[in-house]
PDB file of all heavy atoms in Angstrom:
ATOM      1  N   ARG A   1      -6.609  -7.603  -3.984  1.00  0.00           N
ATOM      2  CA  ARG A   1      -6.981  -9.002  -3.792  1.00  0.00           C
ATOM      3  C   ARG A   1      -8.145  -9.381  -4.695  1.00  0.00           C
ATOM      4  O   ARG A   1      -8.118 -10.410  -5.377  1.00  0.00           O
ATOM      5  CB  ARG A   1      -7.346  -9.260  -2.334  1.00  0.00           C
ATOM      6  CG  ARG A   1      -7.726 -10.719  -2.058  1.00  0.00           C
ATOM      7  CD  ARG A   1      -8.475 -10.884  -0.764  1.00  0.00           C
ATOM      8  NE  ARG A   1      -9.756 -10.168  -0.856  1.00  0.00           N
ATOM      9  CZ  ARG A   1     -10.361  -9.592   0.166  1.00  0.00           C
ATOM     10  NH1 ARG A   1      -9.819  -9.601   1.356  1.00  0.00           N
ATOM     11  NH2 ARG A   1     -11.510  -8.979   0.005  1.00  0.00           N
ATOM     12  N   ASP A   2      -9.172  -8.528  -4.730  1.00  0.00           N
ATOM     13  CA  ASP A   2     -10.338  -8.800  -5.563  1.00  0.00           C
ATOM     14  C   ASP A   2      -9.966  -8.824  -7.043  1.00  0.00           C
ATOM     15  O   ASP A   2     -10.439  -9.678  -7.792  1.00  0.00           O
ATOM     16  CB  ASP A   2     -11.427  -7.757  -5.313  1.00  0.00           C
ATOM     17  CG  ASP A   2     -12.030  -7.865  -3.917  1.00  0.00           C
ATOM     18  OD1 ASP A   2     -11.822  -8.908  -3.253  1.00  0.00           O
ATOM     19  OD2 ASP A   2     -12.695  -6.894  -3.496  1.00  0.00           O
ATOM     20  N   ALA A   3      -9.129  -7.907  -7.467  1.00  0.00           N
ATOM     21  CA  ALA A   3      -8.727  -7.850  -8.876  1.00  0.00           C
ATOM     22  C   ALA A   3      -7.950  -9.100  -9.270  1.00  0.00           C
ATOM     23  O   ALA A   3      -8.170  -9.658 -10.350  1.00  0.00           O
ATOM     24  CB  ALA A   3      -7.891  -6.602  -9.132  1.00  0.00           C
ATOM     25  N   VAL A   4      -7.066  -9.557  -8.403  1.00  0.00           N
ATOM     26  CA  VAL A   4      -6.277 -10.752  -8.707  1.00  0.00           C
ATOM     27  C   VAL A   4      -7.162 -11.994  -8.735  1.00  0.00           C
ATOM     28  O   VAL A   4      -6.983 -12.874  -9.569  1.00  0.00           O
ATOM     29  CB  VAL A   4      -5.120 -10.903  -7.686  1.00  0.00           C
ATOM     30  CG1 VAL A   4      -4.453 -12.257  -7.788  1.00  0.00           C
ATOM     31  CG2 VAL A   4      -4.100  -9.800  -7.885  1.00  0.00           C
ATOM     32  N   GLN A   5      -8.155 -12.053  -7.855  1.00  0.00           N
ATOM     33  CA  GLN A   5      -9.054 -13.200  -7.827  1.00  0.00           C
ATOM     34  C   GLN A   5      -9.975 -13.244  -9.041  1.00  0.00           C
ATOM     35  O   GLN A   5     -10.297 -14.316  -9.546  1.00  0.00           O
ATOM     36  CB  GLN A   5      -9.907 -13.179  -6.551  1.00  0.00           C
ATOM     37  CG  GLN A   5      -9.151 -13.556  -5.299  1.00  0.00           C
ATOM     38  CD  GLN A   5     -10.030 -13.463  -4.058  1.00  0.00           C
ATOM     39  OE1 GLN A   5     -11.113 -12.908  -4.076  1.00  0.00           O
ATOM     40  NE2 GLN A   5      -9.525 -14.017  -2.958  1.00  0.00           N
ATOM     41  N   LEU A   6     -10.394 -12.083  -9.523  1.00  0.00           N
ATOM     42  CA  LEU A   6     -11.372 -12.029 -10.610  1.00  0.00           C
ATOM     43  C   LEU A   6     -10.752 -12.099 -11.995  1.00  0.00           C
ATOM     44  O   LEU A   6     -11.433 -12.451 -12.958  1.00  0.00           O
ATOM     45  CB  LEU A   6     -12.208 -10.753 -10.488  1.00  0.00           C
ATOM     46  CG  LEU A   6     -13.094 -10.666  -9.246  1.00  0.00           C
ATOM     47  CD1 LEU A   6     -13.775  -9.309  -9.177  1.00  0.00           C
ATOM     48  CD2 LEU A   6     -14.121 -11.782  -9.241  1.00  0.00           C
ATOM     49  N   SER A   7      -9.506 -11.757 -12.114  1.00  0.00           N
ATOM     50  CA  SER A   7      -8.886 -11.699 -13.436  1.00  0.00           C
ATOM     51  C   SER A   7      -7.762 -12.736 -13.542  1.00  0.00           C
ATOM     52  O   SER A   7      -6.908 -12.814 -12.656  1.00  0.00           O
ATOM     53  CB  SER A   7      -8.310 -10.310 -13.688  1.00  0.00           C
ATOM     54  OG  SER A   7      -7.596 -10.300 -14.909  1.00  0.00           O
ATOM     55  N   PRO A   8      -7.755 -13.500 -14.620  1.00  0.00           N
ATOM     56  CA  PRO A   8      -6.655 -14.450 -14.797  1.00  0.00           C
ATOM     57  C   PRO A   8      -5.361 -13.754 -15.216  1.00  0.00           C
ATOM     58  O   PRO A   8      -4.292 -14.330 -15.138  1.00  0.00           O
ATOM     59  CB  PRO A   8      -7.156 -15.374 -15.901  1.00  0.00           C
ATOM     60  CG  PRO A   8      -8.129 -14.552 -16.671  1.00  0.00           C
ATOM     61  CD  PRO A   8      -8.742 -13.595 -15.669  1.00  0.00           C
ATOM     62  N   TYR A   9      -5.471 -12.509 -15.648  1.00  0.00           N
ATOM     63  CA  TYR A   9      -4.302 -11.752 -16.099  1.00  0.00           C
ATOM     64  C   TYR A   9      -4.000 -10.642 -15.105  1.00  0.00           C
ATOM     65  O   TYR A   9      -4.872  -9.870 -14.741  1.00  0.00           O
ATOM     66  CB  TYR A   9      -4.554 -11.145 -17.480  1.00  0.00           C
ATOM     67  CG  TYR A   9      -4.968 -12.182 -18.491  1.00  0.00           C
ATOM     68  CD1 TYR A   9      -6.292 -12.287 -18.876  1.00  0.00           C
ATOM     69  CD2 TYR A   9      -4.033 -13.058 -19.021  1.00  0.00           C
ATOM     70  CE1 TYR A   9      -6.681 -13.255 -19.792  1.00  0.00           C
ATOM     71  CE2 TYR A   9      -4.415 -14.024 -19.935  1.00  0.00           C
ATOM     72  CZ  TYR A   9      -5.742 -14.124 -20.306  1.00  0.00           C
ATOM     73  OH  TYR A   9      -6.113 -15.078 -21.206  1.00  0.00           O
ATOM     74  N   VAL A  10      -2.778 -10.579 -14.666  1.00  0.00           N
ATOM     75  CA  VAL A  10      -2.368  -9.570 -13.701  1.00  0.00           C
ATOM     76  C   VAL A  10      -1.386  -8.628 -14.383  1.00  0.00           C
ATOM     77  O   VAL A  10      -0.392  -9.063 -14.974  1.00  0.00           O
ATOM     78  CB  VAL A  10      -1.705 -10.221 -12.474  1.00  0.00           C
ATOM     79  CG1 VAL A  10      -1.196  -9.170 -11.515  1.00  0.00           C
ATOM     80  CG2 VAL A  10      -2.672 -11.159 -11.781  1.00  0.00           C
ATOM     81  N   ASP A  11      -1.687  -7.335 -14.316  1.00  0.00           N
ATOM     82  CA  ASP A  11      -0.779  -6.315 -14.831  1.00  0.00           C
ATOM     83  C   ASP A  11       0.280  -6.061 -13.752  1.00  0.00           C
ATOM     84  O   ASP A  11      -0.006  -5.437 -12.725  1.00  0.00           O
ATOM     85  CB  ASP A  11      -1.565  -5.043 -15.153  1.00  0.00           C
ATOM     86  CG  ASP A  11      -0.691  -3.935 -15.703  1.00  0.00           C
ATOM     87  OD1 ASP A  11       0.542  -4.133 -15.841  1.00  0.00           O
ATOM     88  OD2 ASP A  11      -1.237  -2.859 -15.997  1.00  0.00           O
ATOM     89  N   ASN A  12       1.458  -6.586 -13.982  1.00  0.00           N
ATOM     90  CA  ASN A  12       2.520  -6.483 -12.972  1.00  0.00           C
ATOM     91  C   ASN A  12       2.872  -5.041 -12.643  1.00  0.00           C
ATOM     92  O   ASN A  12       3.179  -4.714 -11.503  1.00  0.00           O
ATOM     93  CB  ASN A  12       3.764  -7.236 -13.437  1.00  0.00           C
ATOM     94  CG  ASN A  12       3.544  -8.730 -13.443  1.00  0.00           C
ATOM     95  OD1 ASN A  12       2.730  -9.246 -12.676  1.00  0.00           O
ATOM     96  ND2 ASN A  12       4.251  -9.429 -14.303  1.00  0.00           N
ATOM     97  N   ARG A  13       2.826  -4.170 -13.638  1.00  0.00           N
ATOM     98  CA  ARG A  13       3.159  -2.759 -13.403  1.00  0.00           C
ATOM     99  C   ARG A  13       2.113  -2.105 -12.493  1.00  0.00           C
ATOM    100  O   ARG A  13       2.458  -1.395 -11.549  1.00  0.00           O
ATOM    101  CB  ARG A  13       3.249  -2.027 -14.734  1.00  0.00           C
ATOM    102  CG  ARG A  13       3.722  -0.600 -14.621  1.00  0.00           C
ATOM    103  CD  ARG A  13       3.981  -0.029 -16.030  1.00  0.00           C
ATOM    104  NE  ARG A  13       4.277   1.376 -15.977  1.00  0.00           N
ATOM    105  CZ  ARG A  13       5.493   1.865 -15.780  1.00  0.00           C
ATOM    106  NH1 ARG A  13       6.505   1.044 -15.605  1.00  0.00           N
ATOM    107  NH2 ARG A  13       5.696   3.165 -15.764  1.00  0.00           N
ATOM    108  N   ALA A  14       0.844  -2.373 -12.761  1.00  0.00           N
ATOM    109  CA  ALA A  14      -0.219  -1.821 -11.919  1.00  0.00           C
ATOM    110  C   ALA A  14      -0.144  -2.389 -10.506  1.00  0.00           C
ATOM    111  O   ALA A  14      -0.358  -1.668  -9.525  1.00  0.00           O
ATOM    112  CB  ALA A  14      -1.585  -2.101 -12.537  1.00  0.00           C
ATOM    113  N   LEU A  15       0.167  -3.674 -10.404  1.00  0.00           N
ATOM    114  CA  LEU A  15       0.306  -4.300  -9.093  1.00  0.00           C
ATOM    115  C   LEU A  15       1.460  -3.671  -8.312  1.00  0.00           C
ATOM    116  O   LEU A  15       1.331  -3.392  -7.119  1.00  0.00           O
ATOM    117  CB  LEU A  15       0.525  -5.803  -9.259  1.00  0.00           C
ATOM    118  CG  LEU A  15       0.570  -6.628  -7.976  1.00  0.00           C
ATOM    119  CD1 LEU A  15      -0.726  -6.508  -7.196  1.00  0.00           C
ATOM    120  CD2 LEU A  15       0.865  -8.078  -8.311  1.00  0.00           C
ATOM    121  N   ALA A  16       2.561  -3.404  -8.998  1.00  0.00           N
ATOM    122  CA  ALA A  16       3.704  -2.763  -8.336  1.00  0.00           C
ATOM    123  C   ALA A  16       3.347  -1.354  -7.859  1.00  0.00           C
ATOM    124  O   ALA A  16       3.733  -0.949  -6.752  1.00  0.00           O
ATOM    125  CB  ALA A  16       4.893  -2.708  -9.290  1.00  0.00           C
ATOM    126  N   HIS A  17       2.590  -0.613  -8.656  1.00  0.00           N
ATOM    127  CA  HIS A  17       2.167   0.732  -8.242  1.00  0.00           C
ATOM    128  C   HIS A  17       1.234   0.659  -7.035  1.00  0.00           C
ATOM    129  O   HIS A  17       1.336   1.478  -6.107  1.00  0.00           O
ATOM    130  CB  HIS A  17       1.473   1.466  -9.399  1.00  0.00           C
ATOM    131  CG  HIS A  17       2.404   1.939 -10.462  1.00  0.00           C
ATOM    132  ND1 HIS A  17       3.437   2.818 -10.230  1.00  0.00           N
ATOM    133  CD2 HIS A  17       2.459   1.643 -11.772  1.00  0.00           C
ATOM    134  CE1 HIS A  17       4.088   3.054 -11.343  1.00  0.00           C
ATOM    135  NE2 HIS A  17       3.524   2.336 -12.315  1.00  0.00           N
ATOM    136  N   ALA A  18       0.330  -0.300  -7.035  1.00  0.00           N
ATOM    137  CA  ALA A  18      -0.588  -0.449  -5.906  1.00  0.00           C
ATOM    138  C   ALA A  18       0.172  -0.813  -4.634  1.00  0.00           C
ATOM    139  O   ALA A  18      -0.120  -0.294  -3.550  1.00  0.00           O
ATOM    140  CB  ALA A  18      -1.646  -1.494  -6.217  1.00  0.00           C
ATOM    141  N   LEU A  19       1.145  -1.695  -4.750  1.00  0.00           N
ATOM    142  CA  LEU A  19       1.948  -2.061  -3.583  1.00  0.00           C
ATOM    143  C   LEU A  19       2.758  -0.876  -3.073  1.00  0.00           C
ATOM    144  O   LEU A  19       2.916  -0.694  -1.859  1.00  0.00           O
ATOM    145  CB  LEU A  19       2.873  -3.232  -3.915  1.00  0.00           C
ATOM    146  CG  LEU A  19       2.178  -4.583  -4.090  1.00  0.00           C
ATOM    147  CD1 LEU A  19       3.152  -5.621  -4.629  1.00  0.00           C
ATOM    148  CD2 LEU A  19       1.560  -5.039  -2.782  1.00  0.00           C
ATOM    149  N   LYS A  20       3.259  -0.045  -3.984  1.00  0.00           N
ATOM    150  CA  LYS A  20       3.979   1.168  -3.572  1.00  0.00           C
ATOM    151  C   LYS A  20       3.033   2.118  -2.838  1.00  0.00           C
ATOM    152  O   LYS A  20       3.429   2.756  -1.855  1.00  0.00           O
ATOM    153  CB  LYS A  20       4.601   1.850  -4.795  1.00  0.00           C
ATOM    154  CG  LYS A  20       5.391   3.086  -4.462  1.00  0.00           C
ATOM    155  CD  LYS A  20       6.571   2.767  -3.566  1.00  0.00           C
ATOM    156  CE  LYS A  20       7.327   4.034  -3.210  1.00  0.00           C
ATOM    157  NZ  LYS A  20       8.342   3.782  -2.190  1.00  0.00           N
ATOM    158  N   ALA A  21       1.791   2.201  -3.297  1.00  0.00           N
ATOM    159  CA  ALA A  21       0.808   3.055  -2.617  1.00  0.00           C
ATOM    160  C   ALA A  21       0.554   2.554  -1.202  1.00  0.00           C
ATOM    161  O   ALA A  21       0.486   3.351  -0.248  1.00  0.00           O
ATOM    162  CB  ALA A  21      -0.496   3.090  -3.416  1.00  0.00           C
ATOM    163  N   VAL A  22       0.434   1.243  -1.049  1.00  0.00           N
ATOM    164  CA  VAL A  22       0.227   0.667   0.286  1.00  0.00           C
ATOM    165  C   VAL A  22       1.432   0.961   1.176  1.00  0.00           C
ATOM    166  O   VAL A  22       1.275   1.360   2.335  1.00  0.00           O
ATOM    167  CB  VAL A  22      -0.025  -0.855   0.194  1.00  0.00           C
ATOM    168  CG1 VAL A  22      -0.006  -1.508   1.564  1.00  0.00           C
ATOM    169  CG2 VAL A  22      -1.358  -1.122  -0.498  1.00  0.00           C
ATOM    170  N   GLU A  23       2.618   0.798   0.633  1.00  0.00           N
ATOM    171  CA  GLU A  23       3.832   1.088   1.397  1.00  0.00           C
ATOM    172  C   GLU A  23       3.861   2.548   1.854  1.00  0.00           C
ATOM    173  O   GLU A  23       4.163   2.845   3.013  1.00  0.00           O
ATOM    174  CB  GLU A  23       5.065   0.791   0.545  1.00  0.00           C
ATOM    175  CG  GLU A  23       6.369   1.141   1.239  1.00  0.00           C
ATOM    176  CD  GLU A  23       7.579   1.040   0.331  1.00  0.00           C
ATOM    177  OE1 GLU A  23       7.415   0.986  -0.908  1.00  0.00           O
ATOM    178  OE2 GLU A  23       8.695   1.047   0.869  1.00  0.00           O
ATOM    179  N   THR A  24       3.533   3.460   0.955  1.00  0.00           N
ATOM    180  CA  THR A  24       3.543   4.891   1.290  1.00  0.00           C
ATOM    181  C   THR A  24       2.521   5.211   2.370  1.00  0.00           C
ATOM    182  O   THR A  24       2.821   5.934   3.329  1.00  0.00           O
ATOM    183  CB  THR A  24       3.267   5.725   0.029  1.00  0.00           C
ATOM    184  OG1 THR A  24       4.274   5.428  -0.949  1.00  0.00           O
ATOM    185  CG2 THR A  24       3.287   7.209   0.344  1.00  0.00           C
ATOM    186  N   LEU A  25       1.312   4.667   2.247  1.00  0.00           N
ATOM    187  CA  LEU A  25       0.281   4.899   3.263  1.00  0.00           C
ATOM    188  C   LEU A  25       0.716   4.352   4.615  1.00  0.00           C
ATOM    189  O   LEU A  25       0.506   4.996   5.650  1.00  0.00           O
ATOM    190  CB  LEU A  25      -1.041   4.266   2.830  1.00  0.00           C
ATOM    191  CG  LEU A  25      -1.750   4.950   1.667  1.00  0.00           C
ATOM    192  CD1 LEU A  25      -2.879   4.071   1.146  1.00  0.00           C
ATOM    193  CD2 LEU A  25      -2.281   6.312   2.085  1.00  0.00           C
ATOM    194  N   MET A  26       1.335   3.184   4.621  1.00  0.00           N
ATOM    195  CA  MET A  26       1.784   2.604   5.888  1.00  0.00           C
ATOM    196  C   MET A  26       2.918   3.416   6.510  1.00  0.00           C
ATOM    197  O   MET A  26       2.949   3.610   7.730  1.00  0.00           O
ATOM    198  CB  MET A  26       2.211   1.152   5.669  1.00  0.00           C
ATOM    199  CG  MET A  26       1.037   0.239   5.345  1.00  0.00           C
ATOM    200  SD  MET A  26       1.526  -1.443   4.956  1.00  0.00           S
ATOM    201  CE  MET A  26       2.111  -1.987   6.541  1.00  0.00           C
ATOM    202  N   GLU A  27       3.834   3.920   5.680  1.00  0.00           N
ATOM    203  CA  GLU A  27       4.915   4.753   6.206  1.00  0.00           C
ATOM    204  C   GLU A  27       4.373   6.061   6.774  1.00  0.00           C
ATOM    205  O   GLU A  27       4.830   6.531   7.820  1.00  0.00           O
ATOM    206  CB  GLU A  27       5.940   5.038   5.116  1.00  0.00           C
ATOM    207  CG  GLU A  27       6.813   3.867   4.764  1.00  0.00           C
ATOM    208  CD  GLU A  27       7.763   4.134   3.614  1.00  0.00           C
ATOM    209  OE1 GLU A  27       7.698   5.240   3.018  1.00  0.00           O
ATOM    210  OE2 GLU A  27       8.563   3.239   3.313  1.00  0.00           O
ATOM    211  N   MET A  28       3.394   6.655   6.094  1.00  0.00           N
ATOM    212  CA  MET A  28       2.795   7.892   6.600  1.00  0.00           C
ATOM    213  C   MET A  28       2.063   7.629   7.908  1.00  0.00           C
ATOM    214  O   MET A  28       2.130   8.432   8.848  1.00  0.00           O
ATOM    215  CB  MET A  28       1.859   8.488   5.555  1.00  0.00           C
ATOM    216  CG  MET A  28       2.584   9.039   4.340  1.00  0.00           C
ATOM    217  SD  MET A  28       1.484   9.597   3.028  1.00  0.00           S
ATOM    218  CE  MET A  28       0.713  11.003   3.809  1.00  0.00           C
ATOM    219  N   SER A  29       1.379   6.489   7.999  1.00  0.00           N
ATOM    220  CA  SER A  29       0.681   6.129   9.231  1.00  0.00           C
ATOM    221  C   SER A  29       1.660   5.942  10.383  1.00  0.00           C
ATOM    222  O   SER A  29       1.439   6.441  11.489  1.00  0.00           O
ATOM    223  CB  SER A  29      -0.131   4.848   9.009  1.00  0.00           C
ATOM    224  OG  SER A  29      -0.738   4.439  10.210  1.00  0.00           O
ATOM    225  N   ALA A  30       2.748   5.232  10.109  1.00  0.00           N
ATOM    226  CA  ALA A  30       3.763   5.031  11.149  1.00  0.00           C
ATOM    227  C   ALA A  30       4.365   6.362  11.583  1.00  0.00           C
ATOM    228  O   ALA A  30       4.628   6.580  12.774  1.00  0.00           O
ATOM    229  CB  ALA A  30       4.862   4.094  10.635  1.00  0.00           C
ATOM    230  N   GLY A  31       4.562   7.271  10.638  1.00  0.00           N
ATOM    231  CA  GLY A  31       5.081   8.596  10.978  1.00  0.00           C
ATOM    232  C   GLY A  31       4.133   9.365  11.884  1.00  0.00           C
ATOM    233  O   GLY A  31       4.564  10.005  12.846  1.00  0.00           O
ATOM    234  N   CYS A  32       2.835   9.299  11.576  1.00  0.00           N
ATOM    235  CA  CYS A  32       1.848   9.971  12.435  1.00  0.00           C
ATOM    236  C   CYS A  32       1.854   9.389  13.838  1.00  0.00           C
ATOM    237  O   CYS A  32       1.821  10.125  14.828  1.00  0.00           O
ATOM    238  CB  CYS A  32       0.448   9.825  11.839  1.00  0.00           C
ATOM    239  SG  CYS A  32       0.117  10.896  10.443  1.00  0.00           S
ATOM    240  N   ALA A  33       1.898   8.071  13.932  1.00  0.00           N
ATOM    241  CA  ALA A  33       1.905   7.420  15.248  1.00  0.00           C
ATOM    242  C   ALA A  33       3.171   7.772  16.021  1.00  0.00           C
ATOM    243  O   ALA A  33       3.126   8.007  17.228  1.00  0.00           O
ATOM    244  CB  ALA A  33       1.780   5.906  15.085  1.00  0.00           C
ATOM    245  N   GLU A  34       4.307   7.843  15.324  1.00  0.00           N
ATOM    246  CA  GLU A  34       5.567   8.188  15.985  1.00  0.00           C
ATOM    247  C   GLU A  34       5.542   9.620  16.519  1.00  0.00           C
ATOM    248  O   GLU A  34       5.948   9.877  17.658  1.00  0.00           O
ATOM    249  CB  GLU A  34       6.727   8.019  15.000  1.00  0.00           C
ATOM    250  CG  GLU A  34       8.072   8.311  15.596  1.00  0.00           C
ATOM    251  CD  GLU A  34       9.205   8.123  14.598  1.00  0.00           C
ATOM    252  OE1 GLU A  34       8.971   7.582  13.506  1.00  0.00           O
ATOM    253  OE2 GLU A  34      10.324   8.549  14.928  1.00  0.00           O
ATOM    254  N   VAL A  35       5.043  10.554  15.722  1.00  0.00           N
ATOM    255  CA  VAL A  35       4.958  11.951  16.166  1.00  0.00           C
ATOM    256  C   VAL A  35       3.983  12.062  17.336  1.00  0.00           C
ATOM    257  O   VAL A  35       4.236  12.792  18.306  1.00  0.00           O
ATOM    258  CB  VAL A  35       4.550  12.877  15.001  1.00  0.00           C
ATOM    259  CG1 VAL A  35       4.261  14.282  15.498  1.00  0.00           C
ATOM    260  CG2 VAL A  35       5.640  12.911  13.942  1.00  0.00           C
ATOM    261  N   ALA A  36       2.871  11.326  17.278  1.00  0.00           N
ATOM    262  CA  ALA A  36       1.910  11.343  18.394  1.00  0.00           C
ATOM    263  C   ALA A  36       2.580  10.835  19.669  1.00  0.00           C
ATOM    264  O   ALA A  36       2.407  11.422  20.744  1.00  0.00           O
ATOM    265  CB  ALA A  36       0.697  10.486  18.055  1.00  0.00           C
ATOM    266  N   HIS A  37       3.357   9.763  19.551  1.00  0.00           N
ATOM    267  CA  HIS A  37       4.055   9.217  20.721  1.00  0.00           C
ATOM    268  C   HIS A  37       5.018  10.248  21.315  1.00  0.00           C
ATOM    269  O   HIS A  37       5.039  10.459  22.533  1.00  0.00           O
ATOM    270  CB  HIS A  37       4.814   7.945  20.337  1.00  0.00           C
ATOM    271  CG  HIS A  37       5.679   7.418  21.434  1.00  0.00           C
ATOM    272  ND1 HIS A  37       5.157   6.802  22.547  1.00  0.00           N
ATOM    273  CD2 HIS A  37       7.020   7.448  21.610  1.00  0.00           C
ATOM    274  CE1 HIS A  37       6.142   6.457  23.351  1.00  0.00           C
ATOM    275  NE2 HIS A  37       7.293   6.846  22.806  1.00  0.00           N
ATOM    276  N   VAL A  38       5.782  10.902  20.460  1.00  0.00           N
ATOM    277  CA  VAL A  38       6.731  11.923  20.929  1.00  0.00           C
ATOM    278  C   VAL A  38       5.981  13.045  21.637  1.00  0.00           C
ATOM    279  O   VAL A  38       6.419  13.532  22.686  1.00  0.00           O
ATOM    280  CB  VAL A  38       7.571  12.463  19.749  1.00  0.00           C
ATOM    281  CG1 VAL A  38       8.346  13.714  20.140  1.00  0.00           C
ATOM    282  CG2 VAL A  38       8.500  11.384  19.225  1.00  0.00           C
ATOM    283  N   ARG A  39       4.843  13.447  21.084  1.00  0.00           N
ATOM    284  CA  ARG A  39       4.079  14.536  21.713  1.00  0.00           C
ATOM    285  C   ARG A  39       3.482  14.097  23.037  1.00  0.00           C
ATOM    286  O   ARG A  39       3.432  14.877  23.991  1.00  0.00           O
ATOM    287  CB  ARG A  39       3.006  15.041  20.759  1.00  0.00           C
ATOM    288  CG  ARG A  39       3.642  15.775  19.592  1.00  0.00           C
ATOM    289  CD  ARG A  39       2.656  16.415  18.694  1.00  0.00           C
ATOM    290  NE  ARG A  39       3.357  16.956  17.526  1.00  0.00           N
ATOM    291  CZ  ARG A  39       2.768  17.514  16.515  1.00  0.00           C
ATOM    292  NH1 ARG A  39       1.450  17.639  16.495  1.00  0.00           N
ATOM    293  NH2 ARG A  39       3.468  17.972  15.505  1.00  0.00           N
TER     294      ARG A  39
END
């Protein structure tokens, strides 16, 4: 968010990688919560 606000130019490839990182972290978090629930 800060990078997009501060820069008029957005590197779409870097943005896509960052979004993939967020997706991966959220999936790992959901997996941890699911395993905790099962336990």
